[in-house]
């Protein structure tokens, strides 16, 4: 993690994050809320249901990224 952080900071990528502060904040809040909801669902729904749902969300995200990168 330290090596990745160091490389990331040398590329001036933190400038991009600072320029898009609202986006980064919204994504961070969404991630925290999603992790909390997912943690609560572990006690309610069996993992046999949650794992395919997670796989579907990840596949959908990958397809959107793939399509965006090709256009």
PDB file of N, CA and C in Angstrom:
ATOM      1  N   UNK A   1       0.812  -1.185   0.000  1.00  0.00           N
ATOM      2  CA  UNK A   1       0.000   0.000   0.000  1.00  0.00           C
ATOM      3  C   UNK A   1       0.858   1.252   0.000  1.00  0.00           C
ATOM      4  N   UNK A   2       1.953   1.210   0.718  1.00  0.00           N
ATOM      5  CA  UNK A   2       2.813   2.389   0.789  1.00  0.00           C
ATOM      6  C   UNK A   2       3.421   2.680  -0.586  1.00  0.00           C
ATOM      7  N   UNK A   3       3.833   1.617  -1.297  1.00  0.00           N
ATOM      8  CA  UNK A   3       4.418   1.814  -2.629  1.00  0.00           C
ATOM      9  C   UNK A   3       3.373   2.395  -3.581  1.00  0.00           C
ATOM     10  N   UNK A   4       2.156   1.841  -3.553  1.00  0.00           N
ATOM     11  CA  UNK A   4       1.086   2.362  -4.395  1.00  0.00           C
ATOM     12  C   UNK A   4       0.764   3.803  -4.072  1.00  0.00           C
ATOM     13  N   UNK A   5       0.713   4.116  -2.809  1.00  0.00           N
ATOM     14  CA  UNK A   5       0.434   5.488  -2.375  1.00  0.00           C
ATOM     15  C   UNK A   5       1.518   6.436  -2.855  1.00  0.00           C
ATOM     16  N   UNK A   6       2.777   6.000  -2.769  1.00  0.00           N
ATOM     17  CA  UNK A   6       3.893   6.837  -3.199  1.00  0.00           C
ATOM     18  C   UNK A   6       3.832   7.087  -4.696  1.00  0.00           C
ATOM     19  N   UNK A   7       3.596   6.031  -5.472  1.00  0.00           N
ATOM     20  CA  UNK A   7       3.499   6.202  -6.929  1.00  0.00           C
ATOM     21  C   UNK A   7       2.328   7.112  -7.289  1.00  0.00           C
ATOM     22  N   UNK A   8       1.221   6.919  -6.623  1.00  0.00           N
ATOM     23  CA  UNK A   8       0.029   7.703  -6.901  1.00  0.00           C
ATOM     24  C   UNK A   8       0.287   9.182  -6.614  1.00  0.00           C
ATOM     25  N   UNK A   9       0.982   9.465  -5.540  1.00  0.00           N
ATOM     26  CA  UNK A   9       1.223  10.857  -5.176  1.00  0.00           C
ATOM     27  C   UNK A   9       2.220  11.528  -6.120  1.00  0.00           C
ATOM     28  N   UNK A  10       3.112  10.776  -6.732  1.00  0.00           N
ATOM     29  CA  UNK A  10       4.088  11.354  -7.660  1.00  0.00           C
ATOM     30  C   UNK A  10       3.462  11.717  -9.008  1.00  0.00           C
ATOM     31  N   UNK A  11       2.355  11.083  -9.361  1.00  0.00           N
ATOM     32  CA  UNK A  11       1.721  11.317 -10.658  1.00  0.00           C
ATOM     33  C   UNK A  11       0.812  12.541 -10.680  1.00  0.00           C
ATOM     34  N   UNK A  12       0.786  13.313  -9.668  1.00  0.00           N
ATOM     35  CA  UNK A  12      -0.105  14.471  -9.541  1.00  0.00           C
ATOM     36  C   UNK A  12      -1.568  14.064  -9.558  1.00  0.00           C
ATOM     37  N   UNK A  13      -1.875  12.828  -9.220  1.00  0.00           N
ATOM     38  CA  UNK A  13      -3.255  12.371  -9.185  1.00  0.00           C
ATOM     39  C   UNK A  13      -4.021  12.981  -8.019  1.00  0.00           C
ATOM     40  N   UNK A  14      -3.323  13.390  -6.992  1.00  0.00           N
ATOM     41  CA  UNK A  14      -4.009  14.017  -5.864  1.00  0.00           C
ATOM     42  C   UNK A  14      -4.590  15.369  -6.265  1.00  0.00           C
ATOM     43  N   UNK A  15      -3.984  16.004  -7.264  1.00  0.00           N
ATOM     44  CA  UNK A  15      -4.529  17.264  -7.770  1.00  0.00           C
ATOM     45  C   UNK A  15      -5.903  17.003  -8.380  1.00  0.00           C
ATOM     46  N   UNK A  16      -6.024  15.906  -9.123  1.00  0.00           N
ATOM     47  CA  UNK A  16      -7.307  15.538  -9.728  1.00  0.00           C
ATOM     48  C   UNK A  16      -8.336  15.269  -8.642  1.00  0.00           C
ATOM     49  N   UNK A  17      -7.936  14.584  -7.582  1.00  0.00           N
ATOM     50  CA  UNK A  17      -8.861  14.310  -6.479  1.00  0.00           C
ATOM     51  C   UNK A  17      -9.312  15.607  -5.815  1.00  0.00           C
ATOM     52  N   UNK A  18      -8.401  16.530  -5.652  1.00  0.00           N
ATOM     53  CA  UNK A  18      -8.760  17.804  -5.025  1.00  0.00           C
ATOM     54  C   UNK A  18      -9.725  18.590  -5.911  1.00  0.00           C
ATOM     55  N   UNK A  19      -9.545  18.510  -7.225  1.00  0.00           N
ATOM     56  CA  UNK A  19     -10.442  19.211  -8.138  1.00  0.00           C
ATOM     57  C   UNK A  19     -11.829  18.585  -8.157  1.00  0.00           C
ATOM     58  N   UNK A  20     -11.898  17.288  -7.876  1.00  0.00           N
ATOM     59  CA  UNK A  20     -13.171  16.563  -7.887  1.00  0.00           C
ATOM     60  C   UNK A  20     -13.572  16.155  -6.473  1.00  0.00           C
ATOM     61  N   UNK A  21     -13.370  17.048  -5.538  1.00  0.00           N
ATOM     62  CA  UNK A  21     -13.592  16.763  -4.128  1.00  0.00           C
ATOM     63  C   UNK A  21     -15.020  16.295  -3.844  1.00  0.00           C
ATOM     64  N   UNK A  22     -16.014  16.916  -4.476  1.00  0.00           N
ATOM     65  CA  UNK A  22     -17.413  16.539  -4.246  1.00  0.00           C
ATOM     66  C   UNK A  22     -17.663  15.106  -4.692  1.00  0.00           C
ATOM     67  N   UNK A  23     -17.156  14.757  -5.867  1.00  0.00           N
ATOM     68  CA  UNK A  23     -17.315  13.397  -6.383  1.00  0.00           C
ATOM     69  C   UNK A  23     -16.670  12.382  -5.442  1.00  0.00           C
ATOM     70  N   UNK A  24     -15.454  12.664  -5.005  1.00  0.00           N
ATOM     71  CA  UNK A  24     -14.742  11.755  -4.104  1.00  0.00           C
ATOM     72  C   UNK A  24     -15.512  11.597  -2.797  1.00  0.00           C
ATOM     73  N   UNK A  25     -16.041  12.685  -2.277  1.00  0.00           N
ATOM     74  CA  UNK A  25     -16.800  12.634  -1.031  1.00  0.00           C
ATOM     75  C   UNK A  25     -18.067  11.804  -1.185  1.00  0.00           C
ATOM     76  N   UNK A  26     -18.801  12.009  -2.269  1.00  0.00           N
ATOM     77  CA  UNK A  26     -20.028  11.245  -2.515  1.00  0.00           C
ATOM     78  C   UNK A  26     -19.712   9.761  -2.663  1.00  0.00           C
ATOM     79  N   UNK A  27     -18.644   9.436  -3.391  1.00  0.00           N
ATOM     80  CA  UNK A  27     -18.258   8.029  -3.564  1.00  0.00           C
ATOM     81  C   UNK A  27     -17.844   7.400  -2.229  1.00  0.00           C
ATOM     82  N   UNK A  28     -17.132   8.141  -1.408  1.00  0.00           N
ATOM     83  CA  UNK A  28     -16.706   7.621  -0.109  1.00  0.00           C
ATOM     84  C   UNK A  28     -17.904   7.375   0.802  1.00  0.00           C
ATOM     85  N   UNK A  29     -18.824   8.320   0.825  1.00  0.00           N
ATOM     86  CA  UNK A  29     -20.029   8.156   1.653  1.00  0.00           C
ATOM     87  C   UNK A  29     -20.846   6.964   1.165  1.00  0.00           C
ATOM     88  N   UNK A  30     -20.994   6.840  -0.152  1.00  0.00           N
ATOM     89  CA  UNK A  30     -21.720   5.702  -0.709  1.00  0.00           C
ATOM     90  C   UNK A  30     -21.069   4.378  -0.372  1.00  0.00           C
ATOM     91  N   UNK A  31     -19.752   4.336  -0.385  1.00  0.00           N
ATOM     92  CA  UNK A  31     -19.032   3.112  -0.041  1.00  0.00           C
ATOM     93  C   UNK A  31     -19.240   2.734   1.422  1.00  0.00           C
ATOM     94  N   UNK A  32     -19.187   3.723   2.288  1.00  0.00           N
ATOM     95  CA  UNK A  32     -19.380   3.462   3.718  1.00  0.00           C
ATOM     96  C   UNK A  32     -20.800   2.973   3.981  1.00  0.00           C
ATOM     97  N   UNK A  33     -21.782   3.628   3.369  1.00  0.00           N
ATOM     98  CA  UNK A  33     -23.175   3.212   3.554  1.00  0.00           C
ATOM     99  C   UNK A  33     -23.385   1.809   2.992  1.00  0.00           C
ATOM    100  N   UNK A  34     -22.838   1.544   1.801  1.00  0.00           N
ATOM    101  CA  UNK A  34     -22.967   0.228   1.190  1.00  0.00           C
ATOM    102  C   UNK A  34     -22.331  -0.873   2.033  1.00  0.00           C
ATOM    103  N   UNK A  35     -21.177  -0.581   2.608  1.00  0.00           N
ATOM    104  CA  UNK A  35     -20.523  -1.560   3.472  1.00  0.00           C
ATOM    105  C   UNK A  35     -21.359  -1.835   4.717  1.00  0.00           C
ATOM    106  N   UNK A  36     -21.951  -0.779   5.270  1.00  0.00           N
ATOM    107  CA  UNK A  36     -22.816  -0.957   6.443  1.00  0.00           C
ATOM    108  C   UNK A  36     -24.051  -1.778   6.133  1.00  0.00           C
ATOM    109  N   UNK A  37     -24.690  -1.471   4.998  1.00  0.00           N
ATOM    110  CA  UNK A  37     -25.880  -2.240   4.604  1.00  0.00           C
ATOM    111  C   UNK A  37     -25.504  -3.687   4.317  1.00  0.00           C
ATOM    112  N   UNK A  38     -24.404  -3.895   3.616  1.00  0.00           N
ATOM    113  CA  UNK A  38     -23.949  -5.256   3.331  1.00  0.00           C
ATOM    114  C   UNK A  38     -23.646  -6.033   4.604  1.00  0.00           C
ATOM    115  N   UNK A  39     -23.048  -5.374   5.559  1.00  0.00           N
ATOM    116  CA  UNK A  39     -22.763  -6.027   6.837  1.00  0.00           C
ATOM    117  C   UNK A  39     -24.027  -6.421   7.573  1.00  0.00           C
ATOM    118  N   UNK A  40     -25.030  -5.566   7.513  1.00  0.00           N
ATOM    119  CA  UNK A  40     -26.309  -5.877   8.167  1.00  0.00           C
ATOM    120  C   UNK A  40     -27.034  -7.020   7.456  1.00  0.00           C
ATOM    121  N   UNK A  41     -26.927  -7.077   6.138  1.00  0.00           N
ATOM    122  CA  UNK A  41     -27.596  -8.127   5.377  1.00  0.00           C
ATOM    123  C   UNK A  41     -26.995  -9.504   5.634  1.00  0.00           C
ATOM    124  N   UNK A  42     -25.737  -9.549   6.058  1.00  0.00           N
ATOM    125  CA  UNK A  42     -25.108 -10.841   6.340  1.00  0.00           C
ATOM    126  C   UNK A  42     -25.867 -11.606   7.420  1.00  0.00           C
ATOM    127  N   UNK A  43     -26.458 -10.897   8.347  1.00  0.00           N
ATOM    128  CA  UNK A  43     -27.205 -11.558   9.407  1.00  0.00           C
ATOM    129  C   UNK A  43     -28.620 -11.928   9.015  1.00  0.00           C
ATOM    130  N   UNK A  44     -29.109 -11.356   7.917  1.00  0.00           N
ATOM    131  CA  UNK A  44     -30.497 -11.564   7.510  1.00  0.00           C
ATOM    132  C   UNK A  44     -30.606 -12.523   6.326  1.00  0.00           C
ATOM    133  N   UNK A  45     -29.783 -12.297   5.305  1.00  0.00           N
ATOM    134  CA  UNK A  45     -29.852 -13.100   4.089  1.00  0.00           C
ATOM    135  C   UNK A  45     -28.691 -14.080   4.051  1.00  0.00           C
ATOM    136  N   UNK A  46     -28.925 -15.276   3.542  1.00  0.00           N
ATOM    137  CA  UNK A  46     -27.825 -16.247   3.452  1.00  0.00           C
ATOM    138  C   UNK A  46     -26.798 -15.822   2.399  1.00  0.00           C
ATOM    139  N   UNK A  47     -25.575 -16.244   2.599  1.00  0.00           N
ATOM    140  CA  UNK A  47     -24.511 -15.877   1.661  1.00  0.00           C
ATOM    141  C   UNK A  47     -24.751 -16.481   0.282  1.00  0.00           C
ATOM    142  N   UNK A  48     -25.548 -17.548   0.202  1.00  0.00           N
ATOM    143  CA  UNK A  48     -25.870 -18.150  -1.095  1.00  0.00           C
ATOM    144  C   UNK A  48     -26.695 -17.182  -1.950  1.00  0.00           C
ATOM    145  N   UNK A  49     -27.339 -16.206  -1.340  1.00  0.00           N
ATOM    146  CA  UNK A  49     -28.087 -15.181  -2.076  1.00  0.00           C
ATOM    147  C   UNK A  49     -27.209 -13.948  -2.289  1.00  0.00           C
ATOM    148  N   UNK A  50     -26.457 -13.559  -1.267  1.00  0.00           N
ATOM    149  CA  UNK A  50     -25.662 -12.338  -1.346  1.00  0.00           C
ATOM    150  C   UNK A  50     -24.506 -12.445  -2.332  1.00  0.00           C
ATOM    151  N   UNK A  51     -23.843 -13.588  -2.396  1.00  0.00           N
ATOM    152  CA  UNK A  51     -22.691 -13.724  -3.290  1.00  0.00           C
ATOM    153  C   UNK A  51     -23.073 -13.598  -4.761  1.00  0.00           C
ATOM    154  N   UNK A  52     -24.150 -14.244  -5.229  1.00  0.00           N
ATOM    155  CA  UNK A  52     -24.543 -14.011  -6.630  1.00  0.00           C
ATOM    156  C   UNK A  52     -24.968 -12.561  -6.898  1.00  0.00           C
ATOM    157  N   UNK A  53     -25.597 -11.913  -5.919  1.00  0.00           N
ATOM    158  CA  UNK A  53     -25.944 -10.503  -6.087  1.00  0.00           C
ATOM    159  C   UNK A  53     -24.687  -9.641  -6.228  1.00  0.00           C
ATOM    160  N   UNK A  54     -23.707  -9.910  -5.404  1.00  0.00           N
ATOM    161  CA  UNK A  54     -22.441  -9.181  -5.487  1.00  0.00           C
ATOM    162  C   UNK A  54     -21.772  -9.438  -6.832  1.00  0.00           C
ATOM    163  N   UNK A  55     -21.769 -10.685  -7.276  1.00  0.00           N
ATOM    164  CA  UNK A  55     -21.175 -11.012  -8.568  1.00  0.00           C
ATOM    165  C   UNK A  55     -21.883 -10.264  -9.691  1.00  0.00           C
ATOM    166  N   UNK A  56     -23.203 -10.177  -9.623  1.00  0.00           N
ATOM    167  CA  UNK A  56     -23.963  -9.450 -10.640  1.00  0.00           C
ATOM    168  C   UNK A  56     -23.621  -7.972 -10.667  1.00  0.00           C
ATOM    169  N   UNK A  57     -23.513  -7.369  -9.502  1.00  0.00           N
ATOM    170  CA  UNK A  57     -23.166  -5.948  -9.426  1.00  0.00           C
ATOM    171  C   UNK A  57     -21.767  -5.714  -9.989  1.00  0.00           C
ATOM    172  N   UNK A  58     -20.832  -6.590  -9.648  1.00  0.00           N
ATOM    173  CA  UNK A  58     -19.465  -6.441 -10.151  1.00  0.00           C
ATOM    174  C   UNK A  58     -19.401  -6.631 -11.662  1.00  0.00           C
ATOM    175  N   UNK A  59     -20.151  -7.601 -12.194  1.00  0.00           N
ATOM    176  CA  UNK A  59     -20.173  -7.814 -13.646  1.00  0.00           C
ATOM    177  C   UNK A  59     -20.800  -6.618 -14.365  1.00  0.00           C
ATOM    178  N   UNK A  60     -21.864  -6.085 -13.811  1.00  0.00           N
ATOM    179  CA  UNK A  60     -22.505  -4.910 -14.401  1.00  0.00           C
ATOM    180  C   UNK A  60     -21.546  -3.718 -14.401  1.00  0.00           C
ATOM    181  N   UNK A  61     -20.853  -3.519 -13.302  1.00  0.00           N
ATOM    182  CA  UNK A  61     -19.877  -2.426 -13.214  1.00  0.00           C
ATOM    183  C   UNK A  61     -18.751  -2.613 -14.222  1.00  0.00           C
ATOM    184  N   UNK A  62     -18.256  -3.844 -14.335  1.00  0.00           N
ATOM    185  CA  UNK A  62     -17.176  -4.122 -15.283  1.00  0.00           C
ATOM    186  C   UNK A  62     -17.641  -3.872 -16.712  1.00  0.00           C
ATOM    187  N   UNK A  63     -18.880  -4.263 -17.044  1.00  0.00           N
ATOM    188  CA  UNK A  63     -19.402  -4.046 -18.391  1.00  0.00           C
ATOM    189  C   UNK A  63     -19.515  -2.558 -18.694  1.00  0.00           C
ATOM    190  N   UNK A  64     -19.969  -1.779 -17.721  1.00  0.00           N
ATOM    191  CA  UNK A  64     -20.082  -0.330 -17.932  1.00  0.00           C
ATOM    192  C   UNK A  64     -18.713   0.304 -18.128  1.00  0.00           C
ATOM    193  N   UNK A  65     -17.738  -0.117 -17.364  1.00  0.00           N
ATOM    194  CA  UNK A  65     -16.385   0.423 -17.500  1.00  0.00           C
ATOM    195  C   UNK A  65     -15.803   0.014 -18.845  1.00  0.00           C
ATOM    196  N   UNK A  66     -16.012  -1.234 -19.242  1.00  0.00           N
ATOM    197  CA  UNK A  66     -15.502  -1.721 -20.525  1.00  0.00           C
ATOM    198  C   UNK A  66     -16.100  -0.910 -21.671  1.00  0.00           C
ATOM    199  N   UNK A  67     -17.422  -0.693 -21.616  1.00  0.00           N
ATOM    200  CA  UNK A  67     -18.096   0.059 -22.673  1.00  0.00           C
ATOM    201  C   UNK A  67     -17.628   1.509 -22.704  1.00  0.00           C
ATOM    202  N   UNK A  68     -17.434   2.098 -21.544  1.00  0.00           N
ATOM    203  CA  UNK A  68     -16.993   3.497 -21.463  1.00  0.00           C
ATOM    204  C   UNK A  68     -15.582   3.650 -22.008  1.00  0.00           C
ATOM    205  N   UNK A  69     -14.725   2.681 -21.727  1.00  0.00           N
ATOM    206  CA  UNK A  69     -13.338   2.744 -22.169  1.00  0.00           C
ATOM    207  C   UNK A  69     -13.183   2.549 -23.670  1.00  0.00           C
ATOM    208  N   UNK A  70     -14.133   1.890 -24.298  1.00  0.00           N
ATOM    209  CA  UNK A  70     -14.030   1.605 -25.732  1.00  0.00           C
ATOM    210  C   UNK A  70     -14.592   2.719 -26.589  1.00  0.00           C
ATOM    211  N   UNK A  71     -15.374   3.615 -26.008  1.00  0.00           N
ATOM    212  CA  UNK A  71     -15.988   4.669 -26.831  1.00  0.00           C
ATOM    213  C   UNK A  71     -15.217   5.965 -26.778  1.00  0.00           C
TER     214      UNK A  71
END
